[in-house]
């Protein structure tokens, strides 16, 4: 069972060729800001947000300047965005909530509902 992740900032991450979603925000995650990330060529979607609210594309989260191609709902990706992402920033950065050490994305996508738990997917 995951822990709800709220009011976090996730930025400057690169996800490529994940077997599932690149970035996934679960239904119980909200108030998060997901910005300046890159997600491409993933098995399912590059970005998926299952929350509902007044955020980007009717979600409960804010997606800003994320470079991706496929998303649900549509409107999470900004393929023309100028992103300032470098390989050395490919770790999850949490600026609010419970800080966790960064890990690369070899083990799967970022999952907002697991951000504060022991990070199997971070």
PDB file of N, CA and C in Angstrom:
ATOM      1  N   UNK A   1       0.833  -1.177   0.000  1.00  0.00           N
ATOM      2  CA  UNK A   1       0.000   0.000   0.000  1.00  0.00           C
ATOM      3  C   UNK A   1       0.879   1.242   0.000  1.00  0.00           C
ATOM      4  N   UNK A   2       0.600   2.161  -0.881  1.00  0.00           N
ATOM      5  CA  UNK A   2       1.399   3.362  -1.000  1.00  0.00           C
ATOM      6  C   UNK A   2       0.971   4.445  -0.034  1.00  0.00           C
ATOM      7  N   UNK A   3       1.835   5.421   0.123  1.00  0.00           N
ATOM      8  CA  UNK A   3       1.557   6.586   0.952  1.00  0.00           C
ATOM      9  C   UNK A   3       1.209   7.738   0.021  1.00  0.00           C
ATOM     10  N   UNK A   4       0.154   8.474   0.350  1.00  0.00           N
ATOM     11  CA  UNK A   4      -0.239   9.606  -0.476  1.00  0.00           C
ATOM     12  C   UNK A   4       0.849  10.669  -0.468  1.00  0.00           C
ATOM     13  N   UNK A   5       1.149  11.200  -1.632  1.00  0.00           N
ATOM     14  CA  UNK A   5       2.157  12.255  -1.754  1.00  0.00           C
ATOM     15  C   UNK A   5       1.459  13.543  -2.148  1.00  0.00           C
ATOM     16  N   UNK A   6       1.541  14.532  -1.292  1.00  0.00           N
ATOM     17  CA  UNK A   6       0.913  15.822  -1.557  1.00  0.00           C
ATOM     18  C   UNK A   6       1.912  16.943  -1.320  1.00  0.00           C
ATOM     19  N   UNK A   7       1.750  18.026  -2.087  1.00  0.00           N
ATOM     20  CA  UNK A   7       2.540  19.248  -1.933  1.00  0.00           C
ATOM     21  C   UNK A   7       4.037  19.007  -2.100  1.00  0.00           C
ATOM     22  N   UNK A   8       4.415  18.261  -3.119  1.00  0.00           N
ATOM     23  CA  UNK A   8       5.823  18.019  -3.448  1.00  0.00           C
ATOM     24  C   UNK A   8       6.149  18.669  -4.780  1.00  0.00           C
ATOM     25  N   UNK A   9       7.429  18.897  -5.013  1.00  0.00           N
ATOM     26  CA  UNK A   9       7.905  19.367  -6.306  1.00  0.00           C
ATOM     27  C   UNK A   9       8.830  18.300  -6.879  1.00  0.00           C
ATOM     28  N   UNK A  10       8.529  17.877  -8.099  1.00  0.00           N
ATOM     29  CA  UNK A  10       9.351  16.885  -8.799  1.00  0.00           C
ATOM     30  C   UNK A  10       9.848  17.572 -10.065  1.00  0.00           C
ATOM     31  N   UNK A  11      11.184  17.731 -10.184  1.00  0.00           N
ATOM     32  CA  UNK A  11      11.704  18.483 -11.326  1.00  0.00           C
ATOM     33  C   UNK A  11      13.049  17.932 -11.804  1.00  0.00           C
ATOM     34  N   UNK A  12      13.328  18.244 -13.082  1.00  0.00           N
ATOM     35  CA  UNK A  12      14.606  17.923 -13.710  1.00  0.00           C
ATOM     36  C   UNK A  12      14.914  16.432 -13.713  1.00  0.00           C
ATOM     37  N   UNK A  13      13.929  15.611 -14.062  1.00  0.00           N
ATOM     38  CA  UNK A  13      14.119  14.160 -14.153  1.00  0.00           C
ATOM     39  C   UNK A  13      14.003  13.719 -15.598  1.00  0.00           C
ATOM     40  N   UNK A  14      14.665  12.623 -15.913  1.00  0.00           N
ATOM     41  CA  UNK A  14      14.597  12.036 -17.249  1.00  0.00           C
ATOM     42  C   UNK A  14      14.156  10.589 -17.107  1.00  0.00           C
ATOM     43  N   UNK A  15      13.077  10.235 -17.816  1.00  0.00           N
ATOM     44  CA  UNK A  15      12.618   8.848 -17.859  1.00  0.00           C
ATOM     45  C   UNK A  15      12.541   8.458 -19.331  1.00  0.00           C
ATOM     46  N   UNK A  16      13.140   7.326 -19.671  1.00  0.00           N
ATOM     47  CA  UNK A  16      13.113   6.869 -21.048  1.00  0.00           C
ATOM     48  C   UNK A  16      13.037   5.356 -21.074  1.00  0.00           C
ATOM     49  N   UNK A  17      12.170   4.835 -21.928  1.00  0.00           N
ATOM     50  CA  UNK A  17      12.046   3.394 -22.173  1.00  0.00           C
ATOM     51  C   UNK A  17      11.606   2.607 -20.942  1.00  0.00           C
ATOM     52  N   UNK A  18      10.805   3.214 -20.080  1.00  0.00           N
ATOM     53  CA  UNK A  18      10.224   2.484 -18.958  1.00  0.00           C
ATOM     54  C   UNK A  18       9.220   1.470 -19.509  1.00  0.00           C
ATOM     55  N   UNK A  19       9.070   0.345 -18.846  1.00  0.00           N
ATOM     56  CA  UNK A  19       8.115  -0.655 -19.301  1.00  0.00           C
ATOM     57  C   UNK A  19       6.669  -0.191 -19.139  1.00  0.00           C
ATOM     58  N   UNK A  20       6.409   0.726 -18.211  1.00  0.00           N
ATOM     59  CA  UNK A  20       5.061   1.222 -17.944  1.00  0.00           C
ATOM     60  C   UNK A  20       5.006   2.722 -18.220  1.00  0.00           C
ATOM     61  N   UNK A  21       4.376   3.484 -17.320  1.00  0.00           N
ATOM     62  CA  UNK A  21       4.314   4.935 -17.455  1.00  0.00           C
ATOM     63  C   UNK A  21       5.648   5.557 -17.068  1.00  0.00           C
ATOM     64  N   UNK A  22       5.966   6.676 -17.680  1.00  0.00           N
ATOM     65  CA  UNK A  22       7.147   7.421 -17.282  1.00  0.00           C
ATOM     66  C   UNK A  22       6.929   8.087 -15.938  1.00  0.00           C
ATOM     67  N   UNK A  23       5.869   8.892 -15.821  1.00  0.00           N
ATOM     68  CA  UNK A  23       5.480   9.541 -14.579  1.00  0.00           C
ATOM     69  C   UNK A  23       4.017   9.204 -14.312  1.00  0.00           C
ATOM     70  N   UNK A  24       3.715   8.819 -13.091  1.00  0.00           N
ATOM     71  CA  UNK A  24       2.347   8.450 -12.722  1.00  0.00           C
ATOM     72  C   UNK A  24       1.990   9.098 -11.394  1.00  0.00           C
ATOM     73  N   UNK A  25       0.921   9.881 -11.386  1.00  0.00           N
ATOM     74  CA  UNK A  25       0.368  10.427 -10.151  1.00  0.00           C
ATOM     75  C   UNK A  25      -0.935   9.673  -9.882  1.00  0.00           C
ATOM     76  N   UNK A  26      -1.027   9.021  -8.740  1.00  0.00           N
ATOM     77  CA  UNK A  26      -2.208   8.237  -8.387  1.00  0.00           C
ATOM     78  C   UNK A  26      -3.387   9.135  -8.004  1.00  0.00           C
ATOM     79  N   UNK A  27      -4.557   8.534  -7.859  1.00  0.00           N
ATOM     80  CA  UNK A  27      -5.782   9.266  -7.553  1.00  0.00           C
ATOM     81  C   UNK A  27      -5.710  10.044  -6.248  1.00  0.00           C
ATOM     82  N   UNK A  28      -4.977   9.558  -5.280  1.00  0.00           N
ATOM     83  CA  UNK A  28      -4.925  10.208  -3.973  1.00  0.00           C
ATOM     84  C   UNK A  28      -3.808  11.239  -3.848  1.00  0.00           C
ATOM     85  N   UNK A  29      -3.082  11.498  -4.917  1.00  0.00           N
ATOM     86  CA  UNK A  29      -1.979  12.464  -4.883  1.00  0.00           C
ATOM     87  C   UNK A  29      -2.441  13.800  -5.447  1.00  0.00           C
ATOM     88  N   UNK A  30      -2.149  14.877  -4.729  1.00  0.00           N
ATOM     89  CA  UNK A  30      -2.575  16.188  -5.206  1.00  0.00           C
ATOM     90  C   UNK A  30      -1.704  17.296  -4.666  1.00  0.00           C
ATOM     91  N   UNK A  31      -1.823  18.453  -5.299  1.00  0.00           N
ATOM     92  CA  UNK A  31      -1.065  19.611  -4.877  1.00  0.00           C
ATOM     93  C   UNK A  31       0.413  19.528  -5.214  1.00  0.00           C
ATOM     94  N   UNK A  32       0.786  18.588  -6.074  1.00  0.00           N
ATOM     95  CA  UNK A  32       2.180  18.424  -6.475  1.00  0.00           C
ATOM     96  C   UNK A  32       2.476  19.287  -7.698  1.00  0.00           C
ATOM     97  N   UNK A  33       3.718  19.721  -7.819  1.00  0.00           N
ATOM     98  CA  UNK A  33       4.172  20.439  -8.998  1.00  0.00           C
ATOM     99  C   UNK A  33       5.198  19.569  -9.699  1.00  0.00           C
ATOM    100  N   UNK A  34       4.890  19.210 -10.945  1.00  0.00           N
ATOM    101  CA  UNK A  34       5.763  18.358 -11.753  1.00  0.00           C
ATOM    102  C   UNK A  34       6.265  19.245 -12.898  1.00  0.00           C
ATOM    103  N   UNK A  35       7.566  19.589 -12.883  1.00  0.00           N
ATOM    104  CA  UNK A  35       8.021  20.548 -13.876  1.00  0.00           C
ATOM    105  C   UNK A  35       9.424  20.258 -14.390  1.00  0.00           C
ATOM    106  N   UNK A  36       9.630  20.666 -15.624  1.00  0.00           N
ATOM    107  CA  UNK A  36      10.923  20.542 -16.313  1.00  0.00           C
ATOM    108  C   UNK A  36      11.453  19.114 -16.296  1.00  0.00           C
ATOM    109  N   UNK A  37      10.573  18.153 -16.550  1.00  0.00           N
ATOM    110  CA  UNK A  37      10.960  16.747 -16.645  1.00  0.00           C
ATOM    111  C   UNK A  37      10.899  16.319 -18.104  1.00  0.00           C
ATOM    112  N   UNK A  38      11.578  15.243 -18.424  1.00  0.00           N
ATOM    113  CA  UNK A  38      11.531  14.677 -19.764  1.00  0.00           C
ATOM    114  C   UNK A  38      11.156  13.204 -19.655  1.00  0.00           C
ATOM    115  N   UNK A  39      10.185  12.780 -20.456  1.00  0.00           N
ATOM    116  CA  UNK A  39       9.715  11.398 -20.434  1.00  0.00           C
ATOM    117  C   UNK A  39       9.389  10.988 -21.867  1.00  0.00           C
ATOM    118  N   UNK A  40      10.111   9.996 -22.388  1.00  0.00           N
ATOM    119  CA  UNK A  40       9.958   9.606 -23.792  1.00  0.00           C
ATOM    120  C   UNK A  40      10.041   8.091 -23.959  1.00  0.00           C
ATOM    121  N   UNK A  41       9.354   7.583 -24.970  1.00  0.00           N
ATOM    122  CA  UNK A  41       9.476   6.195 -25.426  1.00  0.00           C
ATOM    123  C   UNK A  41       9.155   5.166 -24.334  1.00  0.00           C
ATOM    124  N   UNK A  42       8.163   5.450 -23.513  1.00  0.00           N
ATOM    125  CA  UNK A  42       7.793   4.535 -22.436  1.00  0.00           C
ATOM    126  C   UNK A  42       6.741   3.543 -22.909  1.00  0.00           C
ATOM    127  N   UNK A  43       6.645   2.407 -22.227  1.00  0.00           N
ATOM    128  CA  UNK A  43       5.778   1.317 -22.644  1.00  0.00           C
ATOM    129  C   UNK A  43       4.313   1.659 -22.702  1.00  0.00           C
ATOM    130  N   UNK A  44       3.813   2.452 -21.759  1.00  0.00           N
ATOM    131  CA  UNK A  44       2.409   2.836 -21.753  1.00  0.00           C
ATOM    132  C   UNK A  44       2.300   4.312 -22.124  1.00  0.00           C
ATOM    133  N   UNK A  45       2.339   5.194 -21.152  1.00  0.00           N
ATOM    134  CA  UNK A  45       2.265   6.632 -21.390  1.00  0.00           C
ATOM    135  C   UNK A  45       3.512   7.319 -20.839  1.00  0.00           C
ATOM    136  N   UNK A  46       3.847   8.448 -21.399  1.00  0.00           N
ATOM    137  CA  UNK A  46       4.960   9.223 -20.871  1.00  0.00           C
ATOM    138  C   UNK A  46       4.580   9.897 -19.554  1.00  0.00           C
ATOM    139  N   UNK A  47       3.319  10.295 -19.426  1.00  0.00           N
ATOM    140  CA  UNK A  47       2.828  10.938 -18.203  1.00  0.00           C
ATOM    141  C   UNK A  47       1.369  10.559 -17.994  1.00  0.00           C
ATOM    142  N   UNK A  48       1.026  10.204 -16.761  1.00  0.00           N
ATOM    143  CA  UNK A  48      -0.359   9.873 -16.443  1.00  0.00           C
ATOM    144  C   UNK A  48      -0.704  10.421 -15.058  1.00  0.00           C
ATOM    145  N   UNK A  49      -1.850  11.077 -14.966  1.00  0.00           N
ATOM    146  CA  UNK A  49      -2.307  11.626 -13.693  1.00  0.00           C
ATOM    147  C   UNK A  49      -3.749  11.187 -13.491  1.00  0.00           C
ATOM    148  N   UNK A  50      -3.974  10.377 -12.473  1.00  0.00           N
ATOM    149  CA  UNK A  50      -5.298   9.823 -12.203  1.00  0.00           C
ATOM    150  C   UNK A  50      -6.100  10.671 -11.210  1.00  0.00           C
ATOM    151  N   UNK A  51      -5.518  11.778 -10.730  1.00  0.00           N
ATOM    152  CA  UNK A  51      -6.207  12.638  -9.771  1.00  0.00           C
ATOM    153  C   UNK A  51      -7.219  13.536 -10.483  1.00  0.00           C
ATOM    154  N   UNK A  52      -8.095  14.129  -9.706  1.00  0.00           N
ATOM    155  CA  UNK A  52      -9.101  15.042 -10.234  1.00  0.00           C
ATOM    156  C   UNK A  52      -9.075  16.318  -9.411  1.00  0.00           C
ATOM    157  N   UNK A  53      -9.082  17.464 -10.094  1.00  0.00           N
ATOM    158  CA  UNK A  53      -9.067  18.726  -9.367  1.00  0.00           C
ATOM    159  C   UNK A  53      -8.952  19.912 -10.292  1.00  0.00           C
ATOM    160  N   UNK A  54      -8.471  21.025  -9.746  1.00  0.00           N
ATOM    161  CA  UNK A  54      -8.391  22.280 -10.479  1.00  0.00           C
ATOM    162  C   UNK A  54      -7.011  22.516 -11.095  1.00  0.00           C
ATOM    163  N   UNK A  55      -6.169  21.487 -11.149  1.00  0.00           N
ATOM    164  CA  UNK A  55      -4.836  21.616 -11.717  1.00  0.00           C
ATOM    165  C   UNK A  55      -4.831  21.425 -13.223  1.00  0.00           C
ATOM    166  N   UNK A  56      -3.661  21.141 -13.763  1.00  0.00           N
ATOM    167  CA  UNK A  56      -3.475  20.963 -15.197  1.00  0.00           C
ATOM    168  C   UNK A  56      -4.399  19.881 -15.742  1.00  0.00           C
ATOM    169  N   UNK A  57      -5.108  20.189 -16.809  1.00  0.00           N
ATOM    170  CA  UNK A  57      -5.974  19.244 -17.527  1.00  0.00           C
ATOM    171  C   UNK A  57      -6.986  18.559 -16.610  1.00  0.00           C
ATOM    172  N   UNK A  58      -7.449  19.279 -15.579  1.00  0.00           N
ATOM    173  CA  UNK A  58      -8.466  18.736 -14.686  1.00  0.00           C
ATOM    174  C   UNK A  58      -7.929  17.788 -13.626  1.00  0.00           C
ATOM    175  N   UNK A  59      -6.615  17.761 -13.449  1.00  0.00           N
ATOM    176  CA  UNK A  59      -6.008  16.921 -12.405  1.00  0.00           C
ATOM    177  C   UNK A  59      -5.851  17.755 -11.129  1.00  0.00           C
ATOM    178  N   UNK A  60      -5.381  17.128 -10.068  1.00  0.00           N
ATOM    179  CA  UNK A  60      -5.146  17.841  -8.814  1.00  0.00           C
ATOM    180  C   UNK A  60      -3.675  18.224  -8.659  1.00  0.00           C
ATOM    181  N   UNK A  61      -2.929  18.213  -9.763  1.00  0.00           N
ATOM    182  CA  UNK A  61      -1.505  18.520  -9.767  1.00  0.00           C
ATOM    183  C   UNK A  61      -1.196  19.538 -10.858  1.00  0.00           C
ATOM    184  N   UNK A  62      -0.064  20.205 -10.736  1.00  0.00           N
ATOM    185  CA  UNK A  62       0.378  21.176 -11.726  1.00  0.00           C
ATOM    186  C   UNK A  62       1.523  20.584 -12.534  1.00  0.00           C
ATOM    187  N   UNK A  63       1.316  20.454 -13.847  1.00  0.00           N
ATOM    188  CA  UNK A  63       2.337  19.945 -14.763  1.00  0.00           C
ATOM    189  C   UNK A  63       2.824  21.122 -15.592  1.00  0.00           C
ATOM    190  N   UNK A  64       4.105  21.462 -15.494  1.00  0.00           N
ATOM    191  CA  UNK A  64       4.631  22.654 -16.149  1.00  0.00           C
ATOM    192  C   UNK A  64       5.914  22.333 -16.926  1.00  0.00           C
ATOM    193  N   UNK A  65       5.921  22.680 -18.201  1.00  0.00           N
ATOM    194  CA  UNK A  65       7.107  22.569 -19.062  1.00  0.00           C
ATOM    195  C   UNK A  65       7.730  21.180 -19.038  1.00  0.00           C
ATOM    196  N   UNK A  66       6.879  20.148 -19.067  1.00  0.00           N
ATOM    197  CA  UNK A  66       7.371  18.770 -19.129  1.00  0.00           C
ATOM    198  C   UNK A  66       7.441  18.327 -20.578  1.00  0.00           C
ATOM    199  N   UNK A  67       8.588  17.816 -20.985  1.00  0.00           N
ATOM    200  CA  UNK A  67       8.827  17.388 -22.346  1.00  0.00           C
ATOM    201  C   UNK A  67       8.447  15.918 -22.481  1.00  0.00           C
ATOM    202  N   UNK A  68       7.279  15.656 -23.060  1.00  0.00           N
ATOM    203  CA  UNK A  68       6.817  14.285 -23.278  1.00  0.00           C
ATOM    204  C   UNK A  68       5.874  14.275 -24.473  1.00  0.00           C
ATOM    205  N   UNK A  69       5.479  13.090 -24.900  1.00  0.00           N
ATOM    206  CA  UNK A  69       4.650  12.979 -26.095  1.00  0.00           C
ATOM    207  C   UNK A  69       3.241  12.488 -25.785  1.00  0.00           C
ATOM    208  N   UNK A  70       3.111  11.460 -24.943  1.00  0.00           N
ATOM    209  CA  UNK A  70       1.807  10.861 -24.670  1.00  0.00           C
ATOM    210  C   UNK A  70       1.430  11.061 -23.202  1.00  0.00           C
ATOM    211  N   UNK A  71       0.159  11.436 -22.979  1.00  0.00           N
ATOM    212  CA  UNK A  71      -0.290  11.627 -21.606  1.00  0.00           C
ATOM    213  C   UNK A  71      -1.777  11.337 -21.474  1.00  0.00           C
ATOM    214  N   UNK A  72      -2.162  11.051 -20.248  1.00  0.00           N
ATOM    215  CA  UNK A  72      -3.567  10.906 -19.896  1.00  0.00           C
ATOM    216  C   UNK A  72      -3.761  11.569 -18.543  1.00  0.00           C
ATOM    217  N   UNK A  73      -4.632  12.580 -18.501  1.00  0.00           N
ATOM    218  CA  UNK A  73      -5.355  13.176 -19.629  1.00  0.00           C
ATOM    219  C   UNK A  73      -4.400  13.932 -20.555  1.00  0.00           C
ATOM    220  N   UNK A  74      -4.890  14.230 -21.739  1.00  0.00           N
ATOM    221  CA  UNK A  74      -4.056  14.994 -22.658  1.00  0.00           C
ATOM    222  C   UNK A  74      -3.853  16.388 -22.086  1.00  0.00           C
ATOM    223  N   UNK A  75      -2.720  16.985 -22.382  1.00  0.00           N
ATOM    224  CA  UNK A  75      -2.412  18.318 -21.893  1.00  0.00           C
ATOM    225  C   UNK A  75      -1.345  18.354 -20.813  1.00  0.00           C
ATOM    226  N   UNK A  76      -0.854  17.185 -20.382  1.00  0.00           N
ATOM    227  CA  UNK A  76       0.220  17.157 -19.390  1.00  0.00           C
ATOM    228  C   UNK A  76       1.576  17.402 -20.042  1.00  0.00           C
ATOM    229  N   UNK A  77       1.699  17.038 -21.308  1.00  0.00           N
ATOM    230  CA  UNK A  77       2.967  17.157 -22.029  1.00  0.00           C
ATOM    231  C   UNK A  77       3.067  18.497 -22.727  1.00  0.00           C
ATOM    232  N   UNK A  78       4.254  19.025 -22.742  1.00  0.00           N
ATOM    233  CA  UNK A  78       4.551  20.265 -23.448  1.00  0.00           C
ATOM    234  C   UNK A  78       5.737  19.982 -24.365  1.00  0.00           C
ATOM    235  N   UNK A  79       5.467  19.354 -25.494  1.00  0.00           N
ATOM    236  CA  UNK A  79       6.543  18.892 -26.370  1.00  0.00           C
ATOM    237  C   UNK A  79       7.398  20.036 -26.894  1.00  0.00           C
ATOM    238  N   UNK A  80       6.869  21.234 -26.955  1.00  0.00           N
ATOM    239  CA  UNK A  80       7.648  22.370 -27.450  1.00  0.00           C
ATOM    240  C   UNK A  80       8.345  23.103 -26.309  1.00  0.00           C
ATOM    241  N   UNK A  81       8.211  22.611 -25.104  1.00  0.00           N
ATOM    242  CA  UNK A  81       8.808  23.296 -23.952  1.00  0.00           C
ATOM    243  C   UNK A  81      10.324  23.294 -24.050  1.00  0.00           C
ATOM    244  N   UNK A  82      10.913  24.370 -23.653  1.00  0.00           N
ATOM    245  CA  UNK A  82      12.362  24.436 -23.536  1.00  0.00           C
ATOM    246  C   UNK A  82      12.707  23.953 -22.146  1.00  0.00           C
ATOM    247  N   UNK A  83      13.281  22.784 -22.065  1.00  0.00           N
ATOM    248  CA  UNK A  83      13.605  22.216 -20.765  1.00  0.00           C
ATOM    249  C   UNK A  83      15.089  22.343 -20.500  1.00  0.00           C
ATOM    250  N   UNK A  84      15.426  22.606 -19.268  1.00  0.00           N
ATOM    251  CA  UNK A  84      16.811  22.705 -18.841  1.00  0.00           C
ATOM    252  C   UNK A  84      17.142  21.480 -18.018  1.00  0.00           C
ATOM    253  N   UNK A  85      17.269  20.340 -18.692  1.00  0.00           N
ATOM    254  CA  UNK A  85      17.508  19.081 -18.000  1.00  0.00           C
ATOM    255  C   UNK A  85      18.882  18.558 -18.370  1.00  0.00           C
ATOM    256  N   UNK A  86      19.669  18.237 -17.384  1.00  0.00           N
ATOM    257  CA  UNK A  86      20.982  17.650 -17.608  1.00  0.00           C
ATOM    258  C   UNK A  86      21.018  16.276 -16.967  1.00  0.00           C
ATOM    259  N   UNK A  87      21.866  15.416 -17.470  1.00  0.00           N
ATOM    260  CA  UNK A  87      21.943  14.051 -16.953  1.00  0.00           C
ATOM    261  C   UNK A  87      22.220  14.013 -15.459  1.00  0.00           C
ATOM    262  N   UNK A  88      22.998  14.952 -14.952  1.00  0.00           N
ATOM    263  CA  UNK A  88      23.307  14.941 -13.529  1.00  0.00           C
ATOM    264  C   UNK A  88      22.097  15.293 -12.679  1.00  0.00           C
ATOM    265  N   UNK A  89      21.016  15.779 -13.263  1.00  0.00           N
ATOM    266  CA  UNK A  89      19.797  16.099 -12.538  1.00  0.00           C
ATOM    267  C   UNK A  89      18.742  15.011 -12.707  1.00  0.00           C
ATOM    268  N   UNK A  90      19.106  13.829 -13.096  1.00  0.00           N
ATOM    269  CA  UNK A  90      18.128  12.784 -13.366  1.00  0.00           C
ATOM    270  C   UNK A  90      17.723  12.028 -12.109  1.00  0.00           C
ATOM    271  N   UNK A  91      17.769  12.677 -10.984  1.00  0.00           N
ATOM    272  CA  UNK A  91      17.323  12.109  -9.719  1.00  0.00           C
ATOM    273  C   UNK A  91      16.079  12.849  -9.265  1.00  0.00           C
ATOM    274  N   UNK A  92      15.221  12.200  -8.531  1.00  0.00           N
ATOM    275  CA  UNK A  92      14.013  12.833  -8.029  1.00  0.00           C
ATOM    276  C   UNK A  92      14.396  13.875  -6.988  1.00  0.00           C
ATOM    277  N   UNK A  93      13.849  15.077  -7.126  1.00  0.00           N
ATOM    278  CA  UNK A  93      14.113  16.150  -6.184  1.00  0.00           C
ATOM    279  C   UNK A  93      12.825  16.474  -5.452  1.00  0.00           C
ATOM    280  N   UNK A  94      12.823  16.362  -4.145  1.00  0.00           N
ATOM    281  CA  UNK A  94      11.662  16.683  -3.337  1.00  0.00           C
ATOM    282  C   UNK A  94      11.988  17.939  -2.559  1.00  0.00           C
ATOM    283  N   UNK A  95      11.224  19.009  -2.786  1.00  0.00           N
ATOM    284  CA  UNK A  95      11.515  20.244  -2.081  1.00  0.00           C
ATOM    285  C   UNK A  95      10.552  20.483  -0.927  1.00  0.00           C
ATOM    286  N   UNK A  96       9.463  19.751  -0.864  1.00  0.00           N
ATOM    287  CA  UNK A  96       8.548  19.792   0.270  1.00  0.00           C
ATOM    288  C   UNK A  96       8.149  18.368   0.580  1.00  0.00           C
ATOM    289  N   UNK A  97       7.664  18.117   1.741  1.00  0.00           N
ATOM    290  CA  UNK A  97       7.328  16.761   2.126  1.00  0.00           C
ATOM    291  C   UNK A  97       8.542  16.106   2.759  1.00  0.00           C
ATOM    292  N   UNK A  98       8.595  14.819   2.716  1.00  0.00           N
ATOM    293  CA  UNK A  98       9.692  14.080   3.326  1.00  0.00           C
ATOM    294  C   UNK A  98      10.790  13.873   2.302  1.00  0.00           C
ATOM    295  N   UNK A  99      11.958  14.503   2.452  1.00  0.00           N
ATOM    296  CA  UNK A  99      13.040  14.321   1.481  1.00  0.00           C
ATOM    297  C   UNK A  99      13.560  12.890   1.505  1.00  0.00           C
ATOM    298  N   UNK A 100      13.820  12.367   0.359  1.00  0.00           N
ATOM    299  CA  UNK A 100      14.394  11.028   0.214  1.00  0.00           C
ATOM    300  C   UNK A 100      15.602  11.132  -0.695  1.00  0.00           C
ATOM    301  N   UNK A 101      16.533  10.216  -0.520  1.00  0.00           N
ATOM    302  CA  UNK A 101      17.689  10.221  -1.410  1.00  0.00           C
ATOM    303  C   UNK A 101      17.229   9.912  -2.825  1.00  0.00           C
ATOM    304  N   UNK A 102      17.873  10.551  -3.815  1.00  0.00           N
ATOM    305  CA  UNK A 102      17.498  10.338  -5.207  1.00  0.00           C
ATOM    306  C   UNK A 102      17.983   8.995  -5.711  1.00  0.00           C
ATOM    307  N   UNK A 103      17.252   8.428  -6.620  1.00  0.00           N
ATOM    308  CA  UNK A 103      17.659   7.205  -7.306  1.00  0.00           C
ATOM    309  C   UNK A 103      17.337   7.388  -8.765  1.00  0.00           C
ATOM    310  N   UNK A 104      18.041   6.691  -9.605  1.00  0.00           N
ATOM    311  CA  UNK A 104      17.753   6.833 -11.022  1.00  0.00           C
ATOM    312  C   UNK A 104      16.484   6.058 -11.359  1.00  0.00           C
ATOM    313  N   UNK A 105      16.067   6.139 -12.616  1.00  0.00           N
ATOM    314  CA  UNK A 105      14.790   5.579 -13.030  1.00  0.00           C
ATOM    315  C   UNK A 105      14.907   4.195 -13.661  1.00  0.00           C
ATOM    316  N   UNK A 106      15.979   3.468 -13.349  1.00  0.00           N
ATOM    317  CA  UNK A 106      16.150   2.141 -13.939  1.00  0.00           C
ATOM    318  C   UNK A 106      15.068   1.172 -13.499  1.00  0.00           C
ATOM    319  N   UNK A 107      14.473   1.392 -12.343  1.00  0.00           N
ATOM    320  CA  UNK A 107      13.544   0.421 -11.785  1.00  0.00           C
ATOM    321  C   UNK A 107      12.095   0.760 -12.041  1.00  0.00           C
ATOM    322  N   UNK A 108      11.813   1.730 -12.869  1.00  0.00           N
ATOM    323  CA  UNK A 108      10.433   2.040 -13.196  1.00  0.00           C
ATOM    324  C   UNK A 108      10.123   3.512 -13.007  1.00  0.00           C
ATOM    325  N   UNK A 109       8.870   3.888 -13.177  1.00  0.00           N
ATOM    326  CA  UNK A 109       8.477   5.289 -13.170  1.00  0.00           C
ATOM    327  C   UNK A 109       8.381   5.870 -11.761  1.00  0.00           C
ATOM    328  N   UNK A 110       8.370   7.196 -11.705  1.00  0.00           N
ATOM    329  CA  UNK A 110       8.084   7.880 -10.449  1.00  0.00           C
ATOM    330  C   UNK A 110       6.613   7.678 -10.161  1.00  0.00           C
ATOM    331  N   UNK A 111       6.281   7.369  -8.956  1.00  0.00           N
ATOM    332  CA  UNK A 111       4.884   7.229  -8.558  1.00  0.00           C
ATOM    333  C   UNK A 111       4.644   8.144  -7.377  1.00  0.00           C
ATOM    334  N   UNK A 112       3.778   9.129  -7.586  1.00  0.00           N
ATOM    335  CA  UNK A 112       3.546  10.127  -6.541  1.00  0.00           C
ATOM    336  C   UNK A 112       3.048   9.493  -5.254  1.00  0.00           C
ATOM    337  N   UNK A 113       2.260   8.439  -5.339  1.00  0.00           N
ATOM    338  CA  UNK A 113       1.704   7.854  -4.126  1.00  0.00           C
ATOM    339  C   UNK A 113       2.757   7.160  -3.290  1.00  0.00           C
ATOM    340  N   UNK A 114       3.930   6.918  -3.852  1.00  0.00           N
ATOM    341  CA  UNK A 114       4.986   6.231  -3.121  1.00  0.00           C
ATOM    342  C   UNK A 114       6.138   7.154  -2.756  1.00  0.00           C
ATOM    343  N   UNK A 115       5.991   8.446  -2.998  1.00  0.00           N
ATOM    344  CA  UNK A 115       7.103   9.371  -2.837  1.00  0.00           C
ATOM    345  C   UNK A 115       7.614   9.416  -1.409  1.00  0.00           C
ATOM    346  N   UNK A 116       6.728   9.334  -0.408  1.00  0.00           N
ATOM    347  CA  UNK A 116       7.151   9.414   0.969  1.00  0.00           C
ATOM    348  C   UNK A 116       7.435   8.057   1.573  1.00  0.00           C
ATOM    349  N   UNK A 117       7.156   6.974   0.866  1.00  0.00           N
ATOM    350  CA  UNK A 117       7.417   5.622   1.364  1.00  0.00           C
ATOM    351  C   UNK A 117       8.832   5.215   0.973  1.00  0.00           C
ATOM    352  N   UNK A 118       9.276   4.057   1.403  1.00  0.00           N
ATOM    353  CA  UNK A 118      10.558   3.543   0.929  1.00  0.00           C
ATOM    354  C   UNK A 118      10.432   3.416  -0.579  1.00  0.00           C
ATOM    355  N   UNK A 119      11.282   4.103  -1.306  1.00  0.00           N
ATOM    356  CA  UNK A 119      11.079   4.315  -2.723  1.00  0.00           C
ATOM    357  C   UNK A 119      11.569   3.170  -3.601  1.00  0.00           C
ATOM    358  N   UNK A 120      10.709   2.220  -3.838  1.00  0.00           N
ATOM    359  CA  UNK A 120      11.031   1.115  -4.738  1.00  0.00           C
ATOM    360  C   UNK A 120      11.155   1.620  -6.166  1.00  0.00           C
ATOM    361  N   UNK A 121      10.360   2.610  -6.529  1.00  0.00           N
ATOM    362  CA  UNK A 121      10.335   3.080  -7.913  1.00  0.00           C
ATOM    363  C   UNK A 121      10.991   4.439  -8.113  1.00  0.00           C
ATOM    364  N   UNK A 122      11.705   4.945  -7.123  1.00  0.00           N
ATOM    365  CA  UNK A 122      12.325   6.251  -7.313  1.00  0.00           C
ATOM    366  C   UNK A 122      13.740   6.118  -7.789  1.00  0.00           C
TER     367      UNK A 122
END
